[in-house]
Amino acid sequence: MTAFHFLQKNWFLLGIVIVIILARLAPKFGVQGGPIKPEITVKFIAVSTIFFNSGLSLRTEDLKRALFQVKLHVFVQSFTLGFVPVFVHLLVTLLENSHLEEWLLKGLMVVGCMPPPVSSAVILTKTVGGNEAAAVFNSAFGSFLGIIVTPLLLLHY
């Protein structure tokens, strides 16, 4: 495999590594209120762009077919909003007696109760050649469910 083919095949993962390195070199560039205004660009523009691009690249038949994959949707939502919070709660319980900061563990619990970010769900599914229509549906549906389920899970734990 040539270097070009490797870069072409792994462009997304390499992009993540490059962005992490750039964030380490210039962390003030991406802070809230900084030059790129992530509170606006990420929250509104990036998420909208991801859904828009995904919608343009999907055929209507694929999206329609994905809507009726109820078993898949139940599994995905149960895993992300059921299994993951239970697993993270067990992990946090195990780590409570460690030297880790209490607020770090609370933050881990909060993140464990949230649905996955839209960008990673859709882009990573597309990158590996997965069912992109189902990823778009589950990402959007999980975000809506998360509005109700996440606070309930946090109250429970």
N, C-alpha and C. Protein backbone atom coordinates (compact mmCIF):
# COMPACT_ATOMS: atom_id res chain seq x y z
N MET A 1 0.84 -1.17 0.00
CA MET A 1 0.00 0.00 0.00
C MET A 1 0.89 1.24 0.00
N THR A 2 0.61 2.14 -0.91
CA THR A 2 1.39 3.36 -0.98
C THR A 2 0.93 4.34 0.09
N ALA A 3 1.78 5.32 0.32
CA ALA A 3 1.46 6.33 1.34
C ALA A 3 0.19 7.09 0.96
N PHE A 4 0.02 7.36 -0.34
CA PHE A 4 -1.18 8.08 -0.80
C PHE A 4 -2.44 7.28 -0.50
N HIS A 5 -2.42 5.97 -0.79
CA HIS A 5 -3.59 5.13 -0.53
C HIS A 5 -3.87 5.02 0.97
N PHE A 6 -2.81 4.96 1.77
CA PHE A 6 -2.97 4.92 3.22
C PHE A 6 -3.64 6.20 3.71
N LEU A 7 -3.15 7.36 3.23
CA LEU A 7 -3.74 8.64 3.62
C LEU A 7 -5.18 8.77 3.14
N GLN A 8 -5.42 8.29 1.92
CA GLN A 8 -6.76 8.35 1.36
C GLN A 8 -7.73 7.48 2.16
N LYS A 9 -7.29 6.33 2.59
CA LYS A 9 -8.15 5.40 3.32
C LYS A 9 -8.35 5.84 4.77
N ASN A 10 -7.36 6.45 5.39
CA ASN A 10 -7.41 6.80 6.82
C ASN A 10 -7.45 8.31 7.06
N TRP A 11 -8.01 9.07 6.14
CA TRP A 11 -8.00 10.52 6.23
C TRP A 11 -8.68 11.03 7.49
N PHE A 12 -9.77 10.40 7.91
CA PHE A 12 -10.51 10.89 9.06
C PHE A 12 -9.71 10.71 10.35
N LEU A 13 -9.16 9.53 10.55
CA LEU A 13 -8.38 9.28 11.76
C LEU A 13 -7.13 10.14 11.80
N LEU A 14 -6.49 10.31 10.66
CA LEU A 14 -5.32 11.18 10.61
C LEU A 14 -5.71 12.63 10.91
N GLY A 15 -6.87 13.04 10.42
CA GLY A 15 -7.37 14.38 10.71
C GLY A 15 -7.60 14.59 12.20
N ILE A 16 -8.14 13.57 12.86
CA ILE A 16 -8.35 13.66 14.31
C ILE A 16 -7.02 13.84 15.03
N VAL A 17 -6.01 13.07 14.64
CA VAL A 17 -4.69 13.17 15.27
C VAL A 17 -4.10 14.57 15.04
N ILE A 18 -4.22 15.09 13.83
CA ILE A 18 -3.68 16.42 13.52
C ILE A 18 -4.39 17.49 14.35
N VAL A 19 -5.71 17.39 14.46
CA VAL A 19 -6.46 18.38 15.24
C VAL A 19 -6.10 18.30 16.72
N ILE A 20 -5.89 17.10 17.23
CA ILE A 20 -5.48 16.96 18.64
C ILE A 20 -4.11 17.60 18.86
N ILE A 21 -3.19 17.39 17.93
CA ILE A 21 -1.86 18.00 18.04
C ILE A 21 -1.97 19.53 17.98
N LEU A 22 -2.77 20.04 17.04
CA LEU A 22 -2.95 21.49 16.94
C LEU A 22 -3.60 22.05 18.20
N ALA A 23 -4.55 21.33 18.78
CA ALA A 23 -5.20 21.78 20.02
C ALA A 23 -4.19 21.82 21.16
N ARG A 24 -3.26 20.88 21.16
CA ARG A 24 -2.23 20.85 22.21
C ARG A 24 -1.26 22.02 22.04
N LEU A 25 -0.95 22.36 20.79
CA LEU A 25 -0.01 23.45 20.52
C LEU A 25 -0.63 24.83 20.75
N ALA A 26 -1.92 24.98 20.44
CA ALA A 26 -2.58 26.29 20.59
C ALA A 26 -3.97 26.11 21.20
N PRO A 27 -4.04 25.79 22.49
CA PRO A 27 -5.34 25.53 23.10
C PRO A 27 -6.28 26.73 23.16
N LYS A 28 -5.73 27.94 23.20
CA LYS A 28 -6.57 29.14 23.30
C LYS A 28 -7.35 29.41 22.02
N PHE A 29 -6.93 28.80 20.94
CA PHE A 29 -7.59 29.02 19.66
C PHE A 29 -9.03 28.50 19.68
N GLY A 30 -9.27 27.40 20.40
CA GLY A 30 -10.59 26.79 20.39
C GLY A 30 -11.42 26.98 21.64
N VAL A 31 -10.98 27.87 22.54
CA VAL A 31 -11.75 28.08 23.77
C VAL A 31 -13.01 28.87 23.49
N GLN A 32 -13.96 28.75 24.40
CA GLN A 32 -15.20 29.50 24.26
C GLN A 32 -14.89 30.99 24.21
N GLY A 33 -15.43 31.65 23.19
CA GLY A 33 -15.16 33.06 22.98
C GLY A 33 -13.89 33.32 22.19
N GLY A 34 -13.18 32.24 21.81
CA GLY A 34 -11.94 32.37 21.04
C GLY A 34 -12.20 32.70 19.58
N PRO A 35 -11.13 32.68 18.78
CA PRO A 35 -11.23 33.09 17.37
C PRO A 35 -12.24 32.29 16.54
N ILE A 36 -12.39 31.00 16.80
CA ILE A 36 -13.32 30.22 15.96
C ILE A 36 -14.71 30.11 16.56
N LYS A 37 -14.92 30.70 17.73
CA LYS A 37 -16.23 30.73 18.39
C LYS A 37 -16.91 29.35 18.39
N PRO A 38 -16.32 28.35 19.07
CA PRO A 38 -16.89 27.01 19.05
C PRO A 38 -18.31 26.93 19.61
N GLU A 39 -18.67 27.86 20.48
CA GLU A 39 -20.03 27.85 21.02
C GLU A 39 -21.07 28.09 19.92
N ILE A 40 -20.64 28.66 18.81
CA ILE A 40 -21.53 28.88 17.66
C ILE A 40 -21.19 27.90 16.54
N THR A 41 -19.91 27.87 16.16
CA THR A 41 -19.52 27.06 15.00
C THR A 41 -19.74 25.57 15.21
N VAL A 42 -19.41 25.06 16.38
CA VAL A 42 -19.56 23.62 16.62
C VAL A 42 -21.01 23.30 16.92
N LYS A 43 -21.59 24.06 17.81
CA LYS A 43 -22.94 23.76 18.28
C LYS A 43 -23.97 23.84 17.16
N PHE A 44 -23.89 24.83 16.33
CA PHE A 44 -24.93 25.03 15.33
C PHE A 44 -24.47 24.69 13.92
N ILE A 45 -23.36 25.25 13.49
CA ILE A 45 -22.95 25.10 12.10
C ILE A 45 -22.44 23.69 11.81
N ALA A 46 -21.55 23.15 12.65
CA ALA A 46 -20.97 21.83 12.36
C ALA A 46 -22.01 20.72 12.41
N VAL A 47 -22.86 20.71 13.43
CA VAL A 47 -23.88 19.67 13.54
C VAL A 47 -24.86 19.76 12.38
N SER A 48 -25.29 20.97 12.05
CA SER A 48 -26.21 21.15 10.92
C SER A 48 -25.57 20.70 9.62
N THR A 49 -24.31 21.02 9.43
CA THR A 49 -23.60 20.63 8.21
C THR A 49 -23.48 19.12 8.09
N ILE A 50 -23.19 18.45 9.21
CA ILE A 50 -23.08 16.99 9.19
C ILE A 50 -24.41 16.36 8.79
N PHE A 51 -25.50 16.81 9.40
CA PHE A 51 -26.81 16.27 9.04
C PHE A 51 -27.17 16.61 7.60
N PHE A 52 -26.87 17.83 7.17
CA PHE A 52 -27.18 18.23 5.79
C PHE A 52 -26.41 17.39 4.78
N ASN A 53 -25.10 17.24 5.00
CA ASN A 53 -24.29 16.42 4.09
C ASN A 53 -24.74 14.97 4.09
N SER A 54 -25.04 14.44 5.25
CA SER A 54 -25.51 13.06 5.33
C SER A 54 -26.84 12.91 4.60
N GLY A 55 -27.70 13.90 4.77
CA GLY A 55 -28.99 13.85 4.09
C GLY A 55 -28.86 13.92 2.58
N LEU A 56 -27.91 14.73 2.10
CA LEU A 56 -27.70 14.83 0.66
C LEU A 56 -27.14 13.55 0.06
N SER A 57 -26.31 12.87 0.83
CA SER A 57 -25.67 11.67 0.29
C SER A 57 -26.54 10.41 0.42
N LEU A 58 -27.63 10.50 1.17
CA LEU A 58 -28.50 9.34 1.35
C LEU A 58 -29.60 9.33 0.31
N ARG A 59 -29.91 8.13 -0.16
CA ARG A 59 -31.06 8.00 -1.04
C ARG A 59 -32.31 7.89 -0.17
N THR A 60 -33.40 8.39 -0.67
CA THR A 60 -34.66 8.36 0.08
C THR A 60 -35.05 6.94 0.45
N GLU A 61 -34.81 6.00 -0.47
CA GLU A 61 -35.16 4.59 -0.21
C GLU A 61 -34.36 4.04 0.96
N ASP A 62 -33.07 4.42 1.04
CA ASP A 62 -32.22 3.95 2.14
C ASP A 62 -32.72 4.48 3.49
N LEU A 63 -33.08 5.75 3.51
CA LEU A 63 -33.57 6.35 4.75
C LEU A 63 -34.90 5.73 5.15
N LYS A 64 -35.76 5.50 4.16
CA LYS A 64 -37.07 4.89 4.43
C LYS A 64 -36.88 3.47 4.98
N ARG A 65 -35.97 2.72 4.38
CA ARG A 65 -35.67 1.37 4.85
C ARG A 65 -35.10 1.38 6.27
N ALA A 66 -34.27 2.38 6.55
CA ALA A 66 -33.65 2.49 7.87
C ALA A 66 -34.68 2.79 8.95
N LEU A 67 -35.71 3.55 8.60
CA LEU A 67 -36.73 3.91 9.59
C LEU A 67 -37.44 2.68 10.15
N PHE A 68 -37.55 1.63 9.35
CA PHE A 68 -38.30 0.44 9.75
C PHE A 68 -37.42 -0.65 10.34
N GLN A 69 -36.18 -0.37 10.62
CA GLN A 69 -35.29 -1.34 11.26
C GLN A 69 -35.41 -1.20 12.77
N VAL A 70 -36.59 -1.54 13.27
CA VAL A 70 -36.92 -1.31 14.68
C VAL A 70 -36.00 -2.07 15.61
N LYS A 71 -35.67 -3.30 15.31
CA LYS A 71 -34.78 -4.09 16.18
C LYS A 71 -33.42 -3.41 16.32
N LEU A 72 -32.91 -2.89 15.22
CA LEU A 72 -31.62 -2.19 15.25
C LEU A 72 -31.72 -0.95 16.13
N HIS A 73 -32.78 -0.17 15.98
CA HIS A 73 -32.94 1.06 16.75
C HIS A 73 -33.09 0.77 18.24
N VAL A 74 -33.86 -0.27 18.56
CA VAL A 74 -34.02 -0.64 19.97
C VAL A 74 -32.67 -1.07 20.55
N PHE A 75 -31.90 -1.84 19.78
CA PHE A 75 -30.58 -2.27 20.26
C PHE A 75 -29.66 -1.07 20.47
N VAL A 76 -29.57 -0.19 19.48
CA VAL A 76 -28.66 0.95 19.56
C VAL A 76 -29.03 1.86 20.73
N GLN A 77 -30.30 2.20 20.85
CA GLN A 77 -30.73 3.09 21.93
C GLN A 77 -30.58 2.43 23.30
N SER A 78 -30.89 1.13 23.37
CA SER A 78 -30.72 0.40 24.64
C SER A 78 -29.25 0.34 25.04
N PHE A 79 -28.39 0.15 24.06
CA PHE A 79 -26.95 0.08 24.34
C PHE A 79 -26.43 1.43 24.82
N THR A 80 -26.74 2.49 24.05
CA THR A 80 -26.15 3.80 24.36
C THR A 80 -26.79 4.46 25.58
N LEU A 81 -28.08 4.25 25.79
CA LEU A 81 -28.75 4.90 26.92
C LEU A 81 -29.10 3.92 28.04
N GLY A 82 -28.68 2.66 27.89
CA GLY A 82 -28.93 1.65 28.91
C GLY A 82 -27.65 1.00 29.40
N PHE A 83 -27.02 0.23 28.52
CA PHE A 83 -25.81 -0.51 28.91
C PHE A 83 -24.66 0.42 29.28
N VAL A 84 -24.39 1.41 28.45
CA VAL A 84 -23.24 2.31 28.69
C VAL A 84 -23.36 3.02 30.04
N PRO A 85 -24.51 3.62 30.39
CA PRO A 85 -24.59 4.25 31.71
C PRO A 85 -24.39 3.27 32.87
N VAL A 86 -24.92 2.05 32.74
CA VAL A 86 -24.73 1.05 33.80
C VAL A 86 -23.25 0.70 33.91
N PHE A 87 -22.59 0.48 32.77
CA PHE A 87 -21.17 0.14 32.76
C PHE A 87 -20.33 1.28 33.37
N VAL A 88 -20.63 2.51 32.97
CA VAL A 88 -19.87 3.65 33.49
C VAL A 88 -20.13 3.82 34.99
N HIS A 89 -21.35 3.59 35.42
CA HIS A 89 -21.65 3.67 36.86
C HIS A 89 -20.83 2.64 37.64
N LEU A 90 -20.75 1.42 37.11
CA LEU A 90 -19.93 0.39 37.76
C LEU A 90 -18.46 0.80 37.79
N LEU A 91 -17.99 1.35 36.68
CA LEU A 91 -16.60 1.81 36.60
C LEU A 91 -16.33 2.93 37.61
N VAL A 92 -17.23 3.89 37.67
CA VAL A 92 -17.08 5.00 38.62
C VAL A 92 -17.11 4.48 40.05
N THR A 93 -17.98 3.53 40.33
CA THR A 93 -18.05 2.94 41.66
C THR A 93 -16.73 2.27 42.03
N LEU A 94 -16.12 1.59 41.06
CA LEU A 94 -14.83 0.95 41.32
C LEU A 94 -13.72 2.00 41.53
N LEU A 95 -13.82 3.11 40.84
CA LEU A 95 -12.77 4.12 40.91
C LEU A 95 -12.95 5.12 42.05
N GLU A 96 -14.06 5.05 42.77
CA GLU A 96 -14.31 6.00 43.86
C GLU A 96 -13.24 5.95 44.95
N ASN A 97 -12.66 4.79 45.17
CA ASN A 97 -11.64 4.65 46.21
C ASN A 97 -10.24 4.92 45.69
N SER A 98 -10.13 5.33 44.44
CA SER A 98 -8.82 5.63 43.87
C SER A 98 -8.44 7.08 44.18
N HIS A 99 -7.34 7.51 43.66
CA HIS A 99 -6.86 8.88 43.89
C HIS A 99 -7.44 9.88 42.89
N LEU A 100 -8.38 9.44 42.06
CA LEU A 100 -8.95 10.34 41.06
C LEU A 100 -9.86 11.38 41.70
N GLU A 101 -9.85 12.55 41.12
CA GLU A 101 -10.67 13.66 41.59
C GLU A 101 -12.16 13.30 41.52
N GLU A 102 -12.91 13.66 42.55
CA GLU A 102 -14.34 13.35 42.63
C GLU A 102 -15.11 13.94 41.44
N TRP A 103 -14.74 15.18 41.06
CA TRP A 103 -15.46 15.84 39.96
C TRP A 103 -15.15 15.20 38.61
N LEU A 104 -13.98 14.62 38.47
CA LEU A 104 -13.66 13.89 37.25
C LEU A 104 -14.57 12.67 37.12
N LEU A 105 -14.79 11.98 38.22
CA LEU A 105 -15.68 10.81 38.21
C LEU A 105 -17.12 11.22 37.95
N LYS A 106 -17.55 12.35 38.52
CA LYS A 106 -18.90 12.85 38.25
C LYS A 106 -19.05 13.22 36.78
N GLY A 107 -18.02 13.84 36.22
CA GLY A 107 -18.04 14.18 34.79
C GLY A 107 -18.10 12.95 33.92
N LEU A 108 -17.36 11.92 34.30
CA LEU A 108 -17.39 10.65 33.56
C LEU A 108 -18.80 10.07 33.59
N MET A 109 -19.47 10.16 34.72
CA MET A 109 -20.83 9.65 34.84
C MET A 109 -21.78 10.45 33.95
N VAL A 110 -21.61 11.76 33.91
CA VAL A 110 -22.46 12.60 33.05
C VAL A 110 -22.27 12.22 31.59
N VAL A 111 -21.04 12.10 31.15
CA VAL A 111 -20.76 11.74 29.76
C VAL A 111 -21.30 10.35 29.44
N GLY A 112 -21.20 9.43 30.41
CA GLY A 112 -21.71 8.07 30.21
C GLY A 112 -23.21 8.01 30.06
N CYS A 113 -23.92 9.01 30.56
CA CYS A 113 -25.38 9.04 30.46
C CYS A 113 -25.89 9.79 29.23
N MET A 114 -24.99 10.36 28.48
CA MET A 114 -25.39 11.15 27.31
C MET A 114 -25.37 10.29 26.04
N PRO A 115 -26.21 10.63 25.06
CA PRO A 115 -26.14 9.93 23.77
C PRO A 115 -24.84 10.30 23.07
N PRO A 116 -24.37 9.44 22.15
CA PRO A 116 -23.11 9.75 21.45
C PRO A 116 -23.23 11.01 20.60
N PRO A 117 -22.13 11.71 20.42
CA PRO A 117 -22.16 12.91 19.57
C PRO A 117 -22.55 12.58 18.13
N VAL A 118 -23.29 13.47 17.54
CA VAL A 118 -23.77 13.28 16.17
C VAL A 118 -22.62 13.06 15.21
N SER A 119 -21.59 13.88 15.31
CA SER A 119 -20.50 13.82 14.34
C SER A 119 -19.81 12.46 14.34
N SER A 120 -19.50 11.94 15.51
CA SER A 120 -18.79 10.66 15.54
C SER A 120 -19.68 9.53 15.07
N ALA A 121 -20.94 9.54 15.45
CA ALA A 121 -21.84 8.46 15.06
C ALA A 121 -21.97 8.37 13.54
N VAL A 122 -22.19 9.50 12.91
CA VAL A 122 -22.43 9.50 11.46
C VAL A 122 -21.13 9.36 10.67
N ILE A 123 -20.12 10.14 11.01
CA ILE A 123 -18.88 10.14 10.23
C ILE A 123 -18.15 8.80 10.36
N LEU A 124 -18.06 8.27 11.57
CA LEU A 124 -17.36 6.99 11.73
C LEU A 124 -18.10 5.85 11.05
N THR A 125 -19.43 5.87 11.10
CA THR A 125 -20.21 4.85 10.40
C THR A 125 -19.98 4.94 8.89
N LYS A 126 -19.96 6.14 8.37
CA LYS A 126 -19.72 6.34 6.94
C LYS A 126 -18.30 5.90 6.57
N THR A 127 -17.34 6.21 7.43
CA THR A 127 -15.95 5.88 7.15
C THR A 127 -15.73 4.38 7.03
N VAL A 128 -16.40 3.60 7.87
CA VAL A 128 -16.20 2.15 7.84
C VAL A 128 -17.17 1.44 6.90
N GLY A 129 -18.00 2.21 6.19
CA GLY A 129 -18.91 1.61 5.22
C GLY A 129 -20.14 1.00 5.86
N GLY A 130 -20.55 1.52 7.01
CA GLY A 130 -21.72 1.00 7.72
C GLY A 130 -23.01 1.57 7.17
N ASN A 131 -24.10 1.27 7.86
CA ASN A 131 -25.43 1.71 7.47
C ASN A 131 -25.61 3.17 7.87
N GLU A 132 -25.28 4.05 6.95
CA GLU A 132 -25.27 5.48 7.25
C GLU A 132 -26.67 6.01 7.55
N ALA A 133 -27.68 5.49 6.84
CA ALA A 133 -29.05 5.94 7.07
C ALA A 133 -29.49 5.61 8.49
N ALA A 134 -29.17 4.41 8.94
CA ALA A 134 -29.52 4.01 10.31
C ALA A 134 -28.74 4.84 11.32
N ALA A 135 -27.49 5.17 11.00
CA ALA A 135 -26.68 6.00 11.91
C ALA A 135 -27.26 7.39 12.04
N VAL A 136 -27.70 7.98 10.94
CA VAL A 136 -28.31 9.31 10.97
C VAL A 136 -29.59 9.26 11.80
N PHE A 137 -30.43 8.26 11.54
CA PHE A 137 -31.67 8.15 12.30
C PHE A 137 -31.40 7.97 13.79
N ASN A 138 -30.53 7.02 14.13
CA ASN A 138 -30.26 6.74 15.54
C ASN A 138 -29.59 7.91 16.23
N SER A 139 -28.74 8.62 15.51
CA SER A 139 -28.09 9.78 16.09
C SER A 139 -29.11 10.87 16.42
N ALA A 140 -29.98 11.16 15.47
CA ALA A 140 -31.01 12.18 15.70
C ALA A 140 -31.99 11.72 16.77
N PHE A 141 -32.44 10.47 16.68
CA PHE A 141 -33.41 9.94 17.65
C PHE A 141 -32.79 9.87 19.04
N GLY A 142 -31.52 9.45 19.12
CA GLY A 142 -30.83 9.39 20.41
C GLY A 142 -30.67 10.77 21.03
N SER A 143 -30.43 11.77 20.21
CA SER A 143 -30.31 13.13 20.73
C SER A 143 -31.63 13.61 21.32
N PHE A 144 -32.73 13.30 20.63
CA PHE A 144 -34.04 13.67 21.17
C PHE A 144 -34.36 12.89 22.45
N LEU A 145 -34.08 11.59 22.45
CA LEU A 145 -34.31 10.78 23.66
C LEU A 145 -33.44 11.28 24.81
N GLY A 146 -32.22 11.67 24.48
CA GLY A 146 -31.28 12.14 25.49
C GLY A 146 -31.77 13.33 26.28
N ILE A 147 -32.61 14.15 25.67
CA ILE A 147 -33.17 15.31 26.35
C ILE A 147 -33.97 14.88 27.57
N ILE A 148 -34.63 13.74 27.47
CA ILE A 148 -35.44 13.23 28.58
C ILE A 148 -34.67 12.20 29.40
N VAL A 149 -34.00 11.28 28.72
CA VAL A 149 -33.37 10.14 29.40
C VAL A 149 -32.14 10.56 30.21
N THR A 150 -31.30 11.42 29.67
CA THR A 150 -30.07 11.81 30.36
C THR A 150 -30.33 12.42 31.75
N PRO A 151 -31.23 13.40 31.89
CA PRO A 151 -31.49 13.91 33.24
C PRO A 151 -32.06 12.84 34.18
N LEU A 152 -32.91 11.95 33.64
CA LEU A 152 -33.46 10.88 34.48
C LEU A 152 -32.36 9.94 34.96
N LEU A 153 -31.45 9.59 34.05
CA LEU A 153 -30.33 8.72 34.43
C LEU A 153 -29.44 9.38 35.48
N LEU A 154 -29.17 10.67 35.31
CA LEU A 154 -28.33 11.38 36.26
C LEU A 154 -29.01 11.49 37.63
N LEU A 155 -30.32 11.68 37.63
CA LEU A 155 -31.05 11.69 38.89
C LEU A 155 -30.98 10.31 39.56
N HIS A 156 -31.08 9.27 38.74
CA HIS A 156 -31.03 7.90 39.26
C HIS A 156 -29.66 7.57 39.87
N TYR A 157 -28.60 7.94 39.16
CA TYR A 157 -27.25 7.59 39.63
C TYR A 157 -26.72 8.63 40.59
